[in-house]
Amino acid sequence: MKTKTLTTLMFSFITLNAHAVRTLNCTPSIDERLILNITFSKDISPEKPFIGFYEFGATVKVKKQNSNQAYTNSNVRITPEVYTTDTNLRGDAAGVYLRLYPHFDGRNVFTHYTGQVLINDLDVRAYFNFTDNNGQPGFVCR
C-alpha cells in the first residue's frame, strides 16, 4: 500500500511540474529576427502560477539573431497582477512590463506561452515594444 501511494504521489508531482520552465525563448511578432529570452529565478508553471510567491526575479534579454549586441536587464521583479489595468503597456512609464499568457489545447493540455513586454529602460536608453498588435500577440514562446 505504501509503495502504491508513494508512486501515485510521485506521478502526480511529476505531472504537475511537467510544464514548469525557468527559461522562455520567444519570438516577437513584429520582427522574427529578434530573440526575447526570459529567465526566471524559480520555475514557473501554468498549472501553479505564482502560488506561494508574491514576488520573484527575472532576467530579460533581447538580442538580434546573428549579432553579439544585446539588451539585458537582470533586475526585473515579477509580481502577479491584481487587475489587467495594473500594468502600463503604453510606453509612458520607465521600466520593464511583462505579461505572460499560457495556452492550452482542447484537452486542457498546456501548449505554449504568448505575451506582451514593454521595455522602456531610461538608464541605457533602450526601448522595445512587443505588445499585442492587430490581433497578434506581442511574442510567442514555443
N, C-alpha and C. Protein backbone atom coordinates (compact mmCIF):
# COMPACT_ATOMS: atom_id res chain seq x y z
N MET A 1 0.82 -1.20 0.00
CA MET A 1 0.00 0.00 0.00
C MET A 1 0.86 1.26 0.00
N LYS A 2 1.94 1.26 0.80
CA LYS A 2 2.82 2.42 0.85
C LYS A 2 3.46 2.68 -0.51
N THR A 3 3.89 1.61 -1.18
CA THR A 3 4.54 1.76 -2.48
C THR A 3 3.59 2.35 -3.50
N LYS A 4 2.35 1.88 -3.53
CA LYS A 4 1.37 2.40 -4.48
C LYS A 4 1.08 3.88 -4.20
N THR A 5 0.92 4.24 -2.94
CA THR A 5 0.66 5.63 -2.58
C THR A 5 1.84 6.51 -2.96
N LEU A 6 3.05 6.07 -2.66
CA LEU A 6 4.24 6.84 -2.99
C LEU A 6 4.38 7.01 -4.50
N THR A 7 4.12 5.95 -5.26
CA THR A 7 4.20 6.03 -6.71
C THR A 7 3.16 7.00 -7.25
N THR A 8 1.95 6.94 -6.72
CA THR A 8 0.88 7.85 -7.14
C THR A 8 1.25 9.29 -6.83
N LEU A 9 1.78 9.54 -5.64
CA LEU A 9 2.19 10.89 -5.27
C LEU A 9 3.31 11.39 -6.17
N MET A 10 4.29 10.53 -6.45
CA MET A 10 5.40 10.93 -7.31
C MET A 10 4.90 11.23 -8.72
N PHE A 11 4.00 10.40 -9.25
CA PHE A 11 3.46 10.62 -10.58
C PHE A 11 2.68 11.93 -10.62
N SER A 12 1.89 12.20 -9.57
CA SER A 12 1.14 13.45 -9.51
C SER A 12 2.07 14.64 -9.49
N PHE A 13 3.15 14.56 -8.73
CA PHE A 13 4.11 15.65 -8.65
C PHE A 13 4.78 15.87 -10.00
N ILE A 14 5.19 14.80 -10.66
CA ILE A 14 5.83 14.91 -11.97
C ILE A 14 4.86 15.49 -12.99
N THR A 15 3.60 15.06 -12.95
CA THR A 15 2.60 15.55 -13.88
C THR A 15 2.36 17.04 -13.69
N LEU A 16 2.26 17.47 -12.43
CA LEU A 16 2.02 18.88 -12.16
C LEU A 16 3.17 19.75 -12.63
N ASN A 17 4.39 19.27 -12.56
CA ASN A 17 5.54 20.06 -12.94
C ASN A 17 6.04 19.75 -14.35
N ALA A 18 5.25 19.04 -15.14
CA ALA A 18 5.70 18.64 -16.47
C ALA A 18 5.98 19.84 -17.36
N HIS A 19 5.31 20.95 -17.13
CA HIS A 19 5.47 22.12 -17.98
C HIS A 19 6.14 23.28 -17.25
N ALA A 20 6.70 23.01 -16.09
CA ALA A 20 7.40 24.05 -15.37
C ALA A 20 8.68 24.39 -16.12
N VAL A 21 8.91 25.67 -16.30
CA VAL A 21 10.10 26.12 -17.01
C VAL A 21 10.77 27.24 -16.23
N ARG A 22 12.03 27.40 -16.47
CA ARG A 22 12.77 28.50 -15.87
C ARG A 22 13.16 29.53 -16.94
N THR A 23 13.31 29.08 -18.18
CA THR A 23 13.70 29.97 -19.27
C THR A 23 12.72 29.85 -20.42
N LEU A 24 12.33 30.99 -20.97
CA LEU A 24 11.48 31.03 -22.15
C LEU A 24 12.25 31.72 -23.28
N ASN A 25 12.27 31.10 -24.44
CA ASN A 25 12.85 31.70 -25.63
C ASN A 25 11.69 32.05 -26.56
N CYS A 26 11.54 33.33 -26.83
CA CYS A 26 10.35 33.80 -27.53
C CYS A 26 10.72 34.58 -28.78
N THR A 27 9.76 34.64 -29.69
CA THR A 27 9.93 35.39 -30.93
C THR A 27 8.90 36.51 -30.96
N PRO A 28 9.36 37.76 -31.01
CA PRO A 28 8.42 38.88 -31.14
C PRO A 28 7.69 38.83 -32.48
N SER A 29 6.41 39.15 -32.47
CA SER A 29 5.61 39.10 -33.69
C SER A 29 6.02 40.16 -34.70
N ILE A 30 6.52 41.30 -34.24
CA ILE A 30 6.82 42.39 -35.17
C ILE A 30 8.14 42.19 -35.90
N ASP A 31 9.04 41.38 -35.35
CA ASP A 31 10.34 41.16 -36.00
C ASP A 31 10.88 39.79 -35.59
N GLU A 32 10.75 38.83 -36.47
CA GLU A 32 11.16 37.46 -36.14
C GLU A 32 12.67 37.28 -36.11
N ARG A 33 13.43 38.33 -36.45
CA ARG A 33 14.89 38.26 -36.34
C ARG A 33 15.37 38.53 -34.92
N LEU A 34 14.46 39.00 -34.07
CA LEU A 34 14.80 39.26 -32.68
C LEU A 34 14.48 38.04 -31.83
N ILE A 35 15.24 37.87 -30.76
CA ILE A 35 15.00 36.79 -29.80
C ILE A 35 14.78 37.43 -28.44
N LEU A 36 13.68 37.08 -27.81
CA LEU A 36 13.38 37.54 -26.46
C LEU A 36 13.59 36.36 -25.54
N ASN A 37 14.51 36.51 -24.59
CA ASN A 37 14.82 35.44 -23.65
C ASN A 37 14.44 35.92 -22.26
N ILE A 38 13.61 35.15 -21.56
CA ILE A 38 13.18 35.48 -20.20
C ILE A 38 13.61 34.34 -19.29
N THR A 39 14.45 34.64 -18.31
CA THR A 39 14.92 33.63 -17.36
C THR A 39 14.43 34.02 -15.97
N PHE A 40 13.66 33.15 -15.35
CA PHE A 40 13.10 33.41 -14.03
C PHE A 40 14.02 32.86 -12.95
N SER A 41 13.93 33.43 -11.74
CA SER A 41 14.78 32.96 -10.64
C SER A 41 14.26 31.64 -10.06
N LYS A 42 13.06 31.26 -10.40
CA LYS A 42 12.49 29.97 -10.00
C LYS A 42 11.59 29.47 -11.12
N ASP A 43 11.29 28.19 -11.10
CA ASP A 43 10.44 27.61 -12.14
C ASP A 43 9.05 28.24 -12.12
N ILE A 44 8.48 28.43 -13.30
CA ILE A 44 7.09 28.86 -13.41
C ILE A 44 6.31 27.74 -14.08
N SER A 45 5.05 27.65 -13.75
CA SER A 45 4.21 26.60 -14.31
C SER A 45 2.81 27.16 -14.54
N PRO A 46 2.21 26.88 -15.70
CA PRO A 46 0.85 27.36 -15.94
C PRO A 46 -0.17 26.69 -15.02
N GLU A 47 0.18 25.52 -14.49
CA GLU A 47 -0.73 24.84 -13.57
C GLU A 47 -0.70 25.47 -12.17
N LYS A 48 0.42 26.13 -11.82
CA LYS A 48 0.56 26.73 -10.49
C LYS A 48 1.20 28.11 -10.60
N PRO A 49 0.52 29.07 -11.22
CA PRO A 49 1.16 30.38 -11.40
C PRO A 49 1.26 31.18 -10.10
N PHE A 50 2.48 31.53 -9.72
CA PHE A 50 2.78 32.41 -8.60
C PHE A 50 2.26 31.92 -7.25
N ILE A 51 1.96 30.64 -7.12
CA ILE A 51 1.45 30.13 -5.85
C ILE A 51 2.54 30.23 -4.80
N GLY A 52 2.23 30.89 -3.70
CA GLY A 52 3.15 30.97 -2.58
C GLY A 52 4.23 32.02 -2.71
N PHE A 53 4.28 32.73 -3.82
CA PHE A 53 5.31 33.75 -4.00
C PHE A 53 4.63 35.04 -4.44
N TYR A 54 4.88 36.11 -3.71
CA TYR A 54 4.32 37.39 -4.13
C TYR A 54 5.22 38.04 -5.18
N GLU A 55 6.51 37.83 -5.05
CA GLU A 55 7.44 38.50 -5.94
C GLU A 55 8.70 37.65 -6.11
N PHE A 56 9.20 37.57 -7.32
CA PHE A 56 10.49 36.92 -7.55
C PHE A 56 11.15 37.57 -8.77
N GLY A 57 12.40 37.25 -9.00
CA GLY A 57 13.18 37.94 -10.02
C GLY A 57 13.20 37.26 -11.37
N ALA A 58 13.64 38.03 -12.35
CA ALA A 58 13.80 37.51 -13.71
C ALA A 58 14.84 38.35 -14.44
N THR A 59 15.38 37.77 -15.48
CA THR A 59 16.29 38.47 -16.39
C THR A 59 15.65 38.48 -17.76
N VAL A 60 15.59 39.64 -18.37
CA VAL A 60 15.04 39.79 -19.71
C VAL A 60 16.17 40.18 -20.65
N LYS A 61 16.25 39.47 -21.77
CA LYS A 61 17.31 39.74 -22.75
C LYS A 61 16.67 39.81 -24.13
N VAL A 62 17.03 40.84 -24.89
CA VAL A 62 16.58 40.99 -26.27
C VAL A 62 17.82 41.02 -27.14
N LYS A 63 17.84 40.16 -28.15
CA LYS A 63 19.03 40.02 -28.99
C LYS A 63 18.58 39.82 -30.43
N LYS A 64 19.32 40.39 -31.34
CA LYS A 64 19.07 40.15 -32.76
C LYS A 64 19.83 38.90 -33.17
N GLN A 65 19.19 38.04 -33.97
CA GLN A 65 19.87 36.83 -34.43
C GLN A 65 21.16 37.19 -35.15
N ASN A 66 22.18 36.36 -34.97
CA ASN A 66 23.49 36.55 -35.61
C ASN A 66 24.16 37.86 -35.23
N SER A 67 23.90 38.33 -34.01
CA SER A 67 24.53 39.55 -33.54
C SER A 67 25.03 39.33 -32.11
N ASN A 68 26.10 40.01 -31.76
CA ASN A 68 26.62 39.91 -30.40
C ASN A 68 26.03 40.98 -29.48
N GLN A 69 25.40 41.99 -30.04
CA GLN A 69 24.81 43.05 -29.24
C GLN A 69 23.48 42.58 -28.68
N ALA A 70 23.26 42.91 -27.40
CA ALA A 70 22.01 42.50 -26.76
C ALA A 70 21.67 43.48 -25.65
N TYR A 71 20.39 43.61 -25.37
CA TYR A 71 19.93 44.35 -24.20
C TYR A 71 19.64 43.32 -23.12
N THR A 72 20.17 43.53 -21.91
CA THR A 72 19.92 42.62 -20.79
C THR A 72 19.56 43.43 -19.56
N ASN A 73 18.51 43.01 -18.88
CA ASN A 73 18.13 43.62 -17.61
C ASN A 73 17.91 42.49 -16.61
N SER A 74 18.78 42.43 -15.61
CA SER A 74 18.71 41.36 -14.61
C SER A 74 17.96 41.76 -13.35
N ASN A 75 17.40 42.95 -13.34
CA ASN A 75 16.74 43.45 -12.13
C ASN A 75 15.22 43.48 -12.26
N VAL A 76 14.66 42.60 -13.05
CA VAL A 76 13.21 42.57 -13.25
C VAL A 76 12.57 41.83 -12.09
N ARG A 77 11.57 42.46 -11.47
CA ARG A 77 10.80 41.84 -10.39
C ARG A 77 9.46 41.41 -10.95
N ILE A 78 9.12 40.15 -10.79
CA ILE A 78 7.86 39.61 -11.29
C ILE A 78 6.85 39.60 -10.14
N THR A 79 5.72 40.26 -10.35
CA THR A 79 4.64 40.25 -9.36
C THR A 79 3.34 39.93 -10.08
N PRO A 80 2.42 39.24 -9.41
CA PRO A 80 1.14 38.94 -10.06
C PRO A 80 0.29 40.20 -10.19
N GLU A 81 -0.48 40.27 -11.26
CA GLU A 81 -1.40 41.38 -11.45
C GLU A 81 -2.65 41.16 -10.61
N VAL A 82 -3.19 42.24 -10.11
CA VAL A 82 -4.49 42.17 -9.44
C VAL A 82 -5.58 42.43 -10.47
N TYR A 83 -5.36 43.42 -11.30
CA TYR A 83 -6.26 43.75 -12.39
C TYR A 83 -5.42 43.93 -13.65
N THR A 84 -6.00 43.73 -14.82
CA THR A 84 -5.23 43.89 -16.05
C THR A 84 -4.83 45.34 -16.28
N THR A 85 -5.46 46.28 -15.59
CA THR A 85 -5.09 47.68 -15.73
C THR A 85 -3.91 48.04 -14.85
N ASP A 86 -3.40 47.09 -14.05
CA ASP A 86 -2.25 47.36 -13.18
C ASP A 86 -0.98 47.63 -13.96
N THR A 87 -0.85 47.08 -15.13
CA THR A 87 0.39 47.17 -15.87
C THR A 87 0.25 48.17 -17.00
N ASN A 88 1.16 49.12 -17.02
CA ASN A 88 1.14 50.15 -18.04
C ASN A 88 1.94 49.67 -19.24
N LEU A 89 1.26 49.34 -20.32
CA LEU A 89 1.94 48.88 -21.53
C LEU A 89 1.83 49.91 -22.66
N ARG A 90 1.71 51.19 -22.29
CA ARG A 90 1.61 52.24 -23.31
C ARG A 90 2.96 52.87 -23.62
N GLY A 91 3.94 52.73 -22.75
CA GLY A 91 5.25 53.27 -23.03
C GLY A 91 5.57 54.58 -22.36
N ASP A 92 4.64 55.11 -21.54
CA ASP A 92 4.92 56.40 -20.91
C ASP A 92 5.52 56.26 -19.51
N ALA A 93 5.81 55.05 -19.09
CA ALA A 93 6.43 54.83 -17.79
C ALA A 93 7.73 54.06 -17.98
N ALA A 94 8.74 54.43 -17.21
CA ALA A 94 10.02 53.72 -17.31
C ALA A 94 9.92 52.37 -16.62
N GLY A 95 10.62 51.38 -17.16
CA GLY A 95 10.64 50.06 -16.55
C GLY A 95 10.49 48.95 -17.57
N VAL A 96 10.31 47.75 -17.05
CA VAL A 96 10.08 46.57 -17.87
C VAL A 96 8.74 45.99 -17.44
N TYR A 97 7.80 45.91 -18.37
CA TYR A 97 6.46 45.41 -18.08
C TYR A 97 6.22 44.16 -18.91
N LEU A 98 5.87 43.08 -18.23
CA LEU A 98 5.77 41.78 -18.88
C LEU A 98 4.45 41.12 -18.51
N ARG A 99 3.77 40.58 -19.50
CA ARG A 99 2.58 39.76 -19.28
C ARG A 99 2.77 38.44 -20.00
N LEU A 100 2.44 37.34 -19.33
CA LEU A 100 2.52 36.00 -19.92
C LEU A 100 1.13 35.38 -19.91
N TYR A 101 0.79 34.71 -21.01
CA TYR A 101 -0.49 34.03 -21.13
C TYR A 101 -0.25 32.57 -21.51
N PRO A 102 -0.59 31.63 -20.63
CA PRO A 102 -0.45 30.21 -21.02
C PRO A 102 -1.58 29.82 -21.97
N HIS A 103 -1.28 28.93 -22.91
CA HIS A 103 -2.28 28.43 -23.85
C HIS A 103 -2.41 26.93 -23.69
N PHE A 104 -3.65 26.47 -23.80
CA PHE A 104 -3.98 25.05 -23.63
C PHE A 104 -4.74 24.58 -24.86
N ASP A 105 -4.60 23.30 -25.20
CA ASP A 105 -5.34 22.76 -26.34
C ASP A 105 -6.73 22.33 -25.87
N GLY A 106 -7.50 21.70 -26.74
CA GLY A 106 -8.86 21.29 -26.43
C GLY A 106 -8.97 20.27 -25.32
N ARG A 107 -7.88 19.56 -25.03
CA ARG A 107 -7.87 18.56 -23.95
C ARG A 107 -7.32 19.15 -22.66
N ASN A 108 -7.20 20.48 -22.61
CA ASN A 108 -6.69 21.20 -21.45
C ASN A 108 -5.23 20.85 -21.14
N VAL A 109 -4.45 20.59 -22.20
CA VAL A 109 -3.02 20.31 -22.07
C VAL A 109 -2.26 21.57 -22.48
N PHE A 110 -1.33 21.99 -21.65
CA PHE A 110 -0.53 23.18 -21.93
C PHE A 110 0.24 23.02 -23.24
N THR A 111 0.22 24.07 -24.08
CA THR A 111 0.93 24.01 -25.36
C THR A 111 2.06 25.03 -25.46
N HIS A 112 1.81 26.28 -25.09
CA HIS A 112 2.84 27.32 -25.22
C HIS A 112 2.40 28.58 -24.48
N TYR A 113 3.33 29.54 -24.42
CA TYR A 113 3.03 30.86 -23.86
C TYR A 113 3.01 31.89 -24.98
N THR A 114 2.17 32.90 -24.82
CA THR A 114 2.28 34.13 -25.58
C THR A 114 2.35 35.25 -24.55
N GLY A 115 2.58 36.45 -25.01
CA GLY A 115 2.65 37.54 -24.04
C GLY A 115 2.93 38.87 -24.67
N GLN A 116 3.15 39.82 -23.78
CA GLN A 116 3.49 41.17 -24.16
C GLN A 116 4.64 41.64 -23.26
N VAL A 117 5.51 42.44 -23.81
CA VAL A 117 6.55 43.07 -23.00
C VAL A 117 6.79 44.47 -23.54
N LEU A 118 6.90 45.41 -22.62
CA LEU A 118 7.29 46.76 -22.96
C LEU A 118 8.52 47.09 -22.14
N ILE A 119 9.60 47.42 -22.80
CA ILE A 119 10.84 47.78 -22.12
C ILE A 119 11.12 49.24 -22.43
N ASN A 120 11.14 50.06 -21.38
CA ASN A 120 11.47 51.47 -21.50
C ASN A 120 12.53 51.76 -20.43
N ASP A 121 13.76 51.39 -20.74
CA ASP A 121 14.86 51.50 -19.78
C ASP A 121 15.59 52.81 -20.02
N LEU A 122 15.32 53.79 -19.17
CA LEU A 122 15.89 55.12 -19.35
C LEU A 122 17.38 55.15 -19.03
N ASP A 123 17.85 54.24 -18.18
CA ASP A 123 19.27 54.22 -17.81
C ASP A 123 20.17 53.92 -19.00
N VAL A 124 19.76 53.02 -19.86
CA VAL A 124 20.59 52.65 -21.02
C VAL A 124 19.96 53.07 -22.35
N ARG A 125 18.86 53.80 -22.26
CA ARG A 125 18.14 54.29 -23.45
C ARG A 125 17.72 53.16 -24.38
N ALA A 126 17.11 52.15 -23.79
CA ALA A 126 16.62 51.01 -24.57
C ALA A 126 15.09 51.03 -24.57
N TYR A 127 14.51 50.81 -25.73
CA TYR A 127 13.05 50.79 -25.85
C TYR A 127 12.65 49.66 -26.80
N PHE A 128 11.84 48.74 -26.28
CA PHE A 128 11.29 47.65 -27.09
C PHE A 128 9.80 47.57 -26.77
N ASN A 129 8.99 47.51 -27.81
CA ASN A 129 7.55 47.44 -27.62
C ASN A 129 7.03 46.20 -28.34
N PHE A 130 6.94 45.11 -27.59
CA PHE A 130 6.41 43.85 -28.12
C PHE A 130 5.04 43.62 -27.49
N THR A 131 4.09 44.49 -27.81
CA THR A 131 2.74 44.37 -27.27
C THR A 131 1.82 43.85 -28.37
N ASP A 132 0.62 43.41 -27.96
CA ASP A 132 -0.34 42.88 -28.91
C ASP A 132 -0.63 43.92 -30.00
N ASN A 133 -0.73 43.44 -31.24
CA ASN A 133 -0.94 44.34 -32.36
C ASN A 133 -1.78 43.63 -33.42
N ASN A 134 -2.89 44.25 -33.80
CA ASN A 134 -3.77 43.71 -34.85
C ASN A 134 -4.17 42.27 -34.59
N GLY A 135 -4.49 41.95 -33.37
CA GLY A 135 -4.92 40.59 -33.03
C GLY A 135 -3.79 39.60 -32.86
N GLN A 136 -2.55 40.02 -33.07
CA GLN A 136 -1.39 39.14 -32.90
C GLN A 136 -0.78 39.38 -31.52
N PRO A 137 -0.33 38.32 -30.86
CA PRO A 137 0.33 38.52 -29.56
C PRO A 137 1.66 39.23 -29.75
N GLY A 138 2.11 39.90 -28.70
CA GLY A 138 3.39 40.60 -28.76
C GLY A 138 4.55 39.67 -29.03
N PHE A 139 4.50 38.47 -28.44
CA PHE A 139 5.53 37.46 -28.69
C PHE A 139 4.95 36.08 -28.45
N VAL A 140 5.62 35.08 -29.02
CA VAL A 140 5.21 33.68 -28.88
C VAL A 140 6.42 32.88 -28.39
N CYS A 141 6.20 32.05 -27.37
CA CYS A 141 7.26 31.19 -26.83
C CYS A 141 6.87 29.74 -27.09
N ARG A 142 7.72 29.02 -27.78
CA ARG A 142 7.43 27.61 -28.08
C ARG A 142 8.49 26.73 -27.50
